[in-house]
C-alpha atoms as a PDB file:
ATOM      1  CA  ILE A   1      10.863   4.923   4.211  1.00  0.00           C
ATOM      2  CA  ALA A   2      13.389   6.128   6.768  1.00  0.00           C
ATOM      3  CA  ALA A   3      10.768   5.955   9.527  1.00  0.00           C
ATOM      4  CA  LEU A   4       9.886   2.384   8.586  1.00  0.00           C
ATOM      5  CA  THR A   5      13.457   1.144   8.339  1.00  0.00           C
ATOM      6  CA  GLY A   6      14.272   3.056  11.520  1.00  0.00           C
ATOM      7  CA  ALA A   7      11.483   1.149  13.246  1.00  0.00           C
ATOM      8  CA  GLY A   8      13.162  -2.113  12.294  1.00  0.00           C
ATOM      9  CA  ILE A   9      11.278  -3.027   9.126  1.00  0.00           C
ATOM     10  CA  LYS A  10      13.712  -4.373   6.567  1.00  0.00           C
ATOM     11  CA  ARG A  11      13.824  -2.446   3.301  1.00  0.00           C
ATOM     12  CA  ASN A  12      13.288  -5.635   1.300  1.00  0.00           C
ATOM     13  CA  ARG A  13       9.854  -5.928   2.977  1.00  0.00           C
ATOM     14  CA  LEU A  14       8.643  -2.544   1.657  1.00  0.00           C
ATOM     15  CA  VAL A  15       6.399  -1.959  -1.356  1.00  0.00           C
ATOM     16  CA  LEU A  16       5.242   1.476  -2.494  1.00  0.00           C
ATOM     17  CA  ASP A  17       1.525   1.946  -3.128  1.00  0.00           C
ATOM     18  CA  PRO A  18       0.706   5.278  -4.803  1.00  0.00           C
ATOM     19  CA  GLY A  19      -3.015   4.783  -4.091  1.00  0.00           C
ATOM     20  CA  MET A  20      -4.363   4.977  -7.627  1.00  0.00           C
ATOM     21  CA  GLY A  21      -7.897   6.229  -8.141  1.00  0.00           C
ATOM     22  CA  PHE A  22     -10.046   8.340  -5.841  1.00  0.00           C
ATOM     23  CA  PHE A  23      -7.480   8.215  -3.014  1.00  0.00           C
ATOM     24  CA  LEU A  24      -5.270  10.541  -5.100  1.00  0.00           C
ATOM     25  CA  GLY A  25      -8.148  12.899  -5.821  1.00  0.00           C
ATOM     26  CA  ALA A  26     -11.319  13.194  -7.818  1.00  0.00           C
ATOM     27  CA  ALA A  27      -9.587  14.309 -11.034  1.00  0.00           C
ATOM     28  CA  PRO A  28      -8.595  11.328 -13.211  1.00  0.00           C
ATOM     29  CA  GLU A  29      -5.648  13.351 -14.520  1.00  0.00           C
ATOM     30  CA  THR A  30      -3.916  12.939 -11.156  1.00  0.00           C
ATOM     31  CA  SER A  31      -3.921   9.159 -11.462  1.00  0.00           C
ATOM     32  CA  LEU A  32      -2.818   9.412 -15.096  1.00  0.00           C
ATOM     33  CA  SER A  33       0.113  11.565 -14.006  1.00  0.00           C
ATOM     34  CA  VAL A  34       1.198   8.966 -11.445  1.00  0.00           C
ATOM     35  CA  LEU A  35       0.770   6.208 -14.023  1.00  0.00           C
ATOM     36  CA  ALA A  36       2.938   8.116 -16.509  1.00  0.00           C
ATOM     37  CA  ARG A  37       5.703   8.420 -13.900  1.00  0.00           C
ATOM     38  CA  PHE A  38       5.594   4.856 -12.582  1.00  0.00           C
ATOM     39  CA  ASP A  39       9.168   4.075 -13.643  1.00  0.00           C
ATOM     40  CA  GLU A  40      10.341   7.223 -11.905  1.00  0.00           C
ATOM     41  CA  LEU A  41       8.859   5.953  -8.630  1.00  0.00           C
ATOM     42  CA  ARG A  42      10.667   2.635  -9.003  1.00  0.00           C
ATOM     43  CA  LEU A  43      13.986   4.247  -9.830  1.00  0.00           C
ATOM     44  CA  ARG A  44      13.819   7.024  -7.257  1.00  0.00           C
ATOM     45  CA  PHE A  45      13.021   4.796  -4.297  1.00  0.00           C
ATOM     46  CA  ASP A  46      14.558   1.527  -5.563  1.00  0.00           C
ATOM     47  CA  LEU A  47      11.530  -0.369  -4.304  1.00  0.00           C
ATOM     48  CA  PRO A  48       8.773  -2.364  -5.979  1.00  0.00           C
ATOM     49  CA  VAL A  49       5.645  -0.337  -6.739  1.00  0.00           C
ATOM     50  CA  LEU A  50       2.175  -1.820  -6.399  1.00  0.00           C
ATOM     51  CA  LEU A  51      -0.149  -1.156  -9.307  1.00  0.00           C
ATOM     52  CA  SER A  52      -3.758  -1.636  -8.308  1.00  0.00           C
ATOM     53  CA  VAL A  53      -5.927  -0.176 -11.053  1.00  0.00           C
ATOM     54  CA  SER A  54      -8.600  -2.798 -11.606  1.00  0.00           C
ATOM     55  CA  ARG A  55     -11.987  -1.078 -11.989  1.00  0.00           C
ATOM     56  CA  LYS A  56     -10.687   2.138 -10.378  1.00  0.00           C
ATOM     57  CA  SER A  57     -12.714   5.332 -10.446  1.00  0.00           C
ATOM     58  CA  PHE A  58     -10.277   7.199 -12.692  1.00  0.00           C
ATOM     59  CA  LEU A  59     -10.695   4.536 -15.386  1.00  0.00           C
ATOM     60  CA  ARG A  60     -14.471   4.737 -15.106  1.00  0.00           C
ATOM     61  CA  ALA A  61     -14.320   8.540 -15.350  1.00  0.00           C
ATOM     62  CA  LEU A  62     -12.104   8.398 -18.434  1.00  0.00           C
ATOM     63  CA  THR A  63     -14.155   5.771 -20.250  1.00  0.00           C
ATOM     64  CA  GLY A  64     -17.643   6.654 -19.056  1.00  0.00           C
ATOM     65  CA  ARG A  65     -18.204   2.972 -18.260  1.00  0.00           C
ATOM     66  CA  GLY A  66     -19.224   1.099 -15.132  1.00  0.00           C
ATOM     67  CA  PRO A  67     -16.953  -1.013 -12.919  1.00  0.00           C
ATOM     68  CA  GLY A  68     -17.694  -4.213 -14.826  1.00  0.00           C
ATOM     69  CA  ASP A  69     -16.917  -2.657 -18.204  1.00  0.00           C
ATOM     70  CA  VAL A  70     -13.422  -1.239 -17.765  1.00  0.00           C
ATOM     71  CA  GLY A  71     -11.417  -4.424 -18.301  1.00  0.00           C
ATOM     72  CA  ALA A  72      -9.725  -3.077 -21.430  1.00  0.00           C
ATOM     73  CA  ALA A  73      -8.875   0.197 -19.679  1.00  0.00           C
ATOM     74  CA  THR A  74      -7.474  -1.749 -16.717  1.00  0.00           C
ATOM     75  CA  LEU A  75      -5.272  -3.787 -19.049  1.00  0.00           C
ATOM     76  CA  ALA A  76      -4.094  -0.647 -20.861  1.00  0.00           C
ATOM     77  CA  ALA A  77      -3.145   1.002 -17.554  1.00  0.00           C
ATOM     78  CA  GLU A  78      -1.265  -2.107 -16.428  1.00  0.00           C
ATOM     79  CA  LEU A  79       0.639  -2.312 -19.709  1.00  0.00           C
ATOM     80  CA  ALA A  80       1.480   1.399 -19.551  1.00  0.00           C
ATOM     81  CA  ALA A  81       3.131   0.876 -16.167  1.00  0.00           C
ATOM     82  CA  ALA A  82       4.993  -2.313 -17.147  1.00  0.00           C
END
């Protein structure tokens, strides 16, 4: 954040993206851990946090379903972070 604001990007233009899914690692527990601490990210950095979980690999791993069949899991993850 300091590097970005130091480069002239205004803080109100920043959004955190924790990179849910495979980007965080192959274990779905890693994404669940980030999801469980979503409020902590918001409070710690005082910035909006992007939640992009639609059809992510960690949801498919947890449910055993394909990308087109994890709508309910996507909704549950979104509500958990709200």
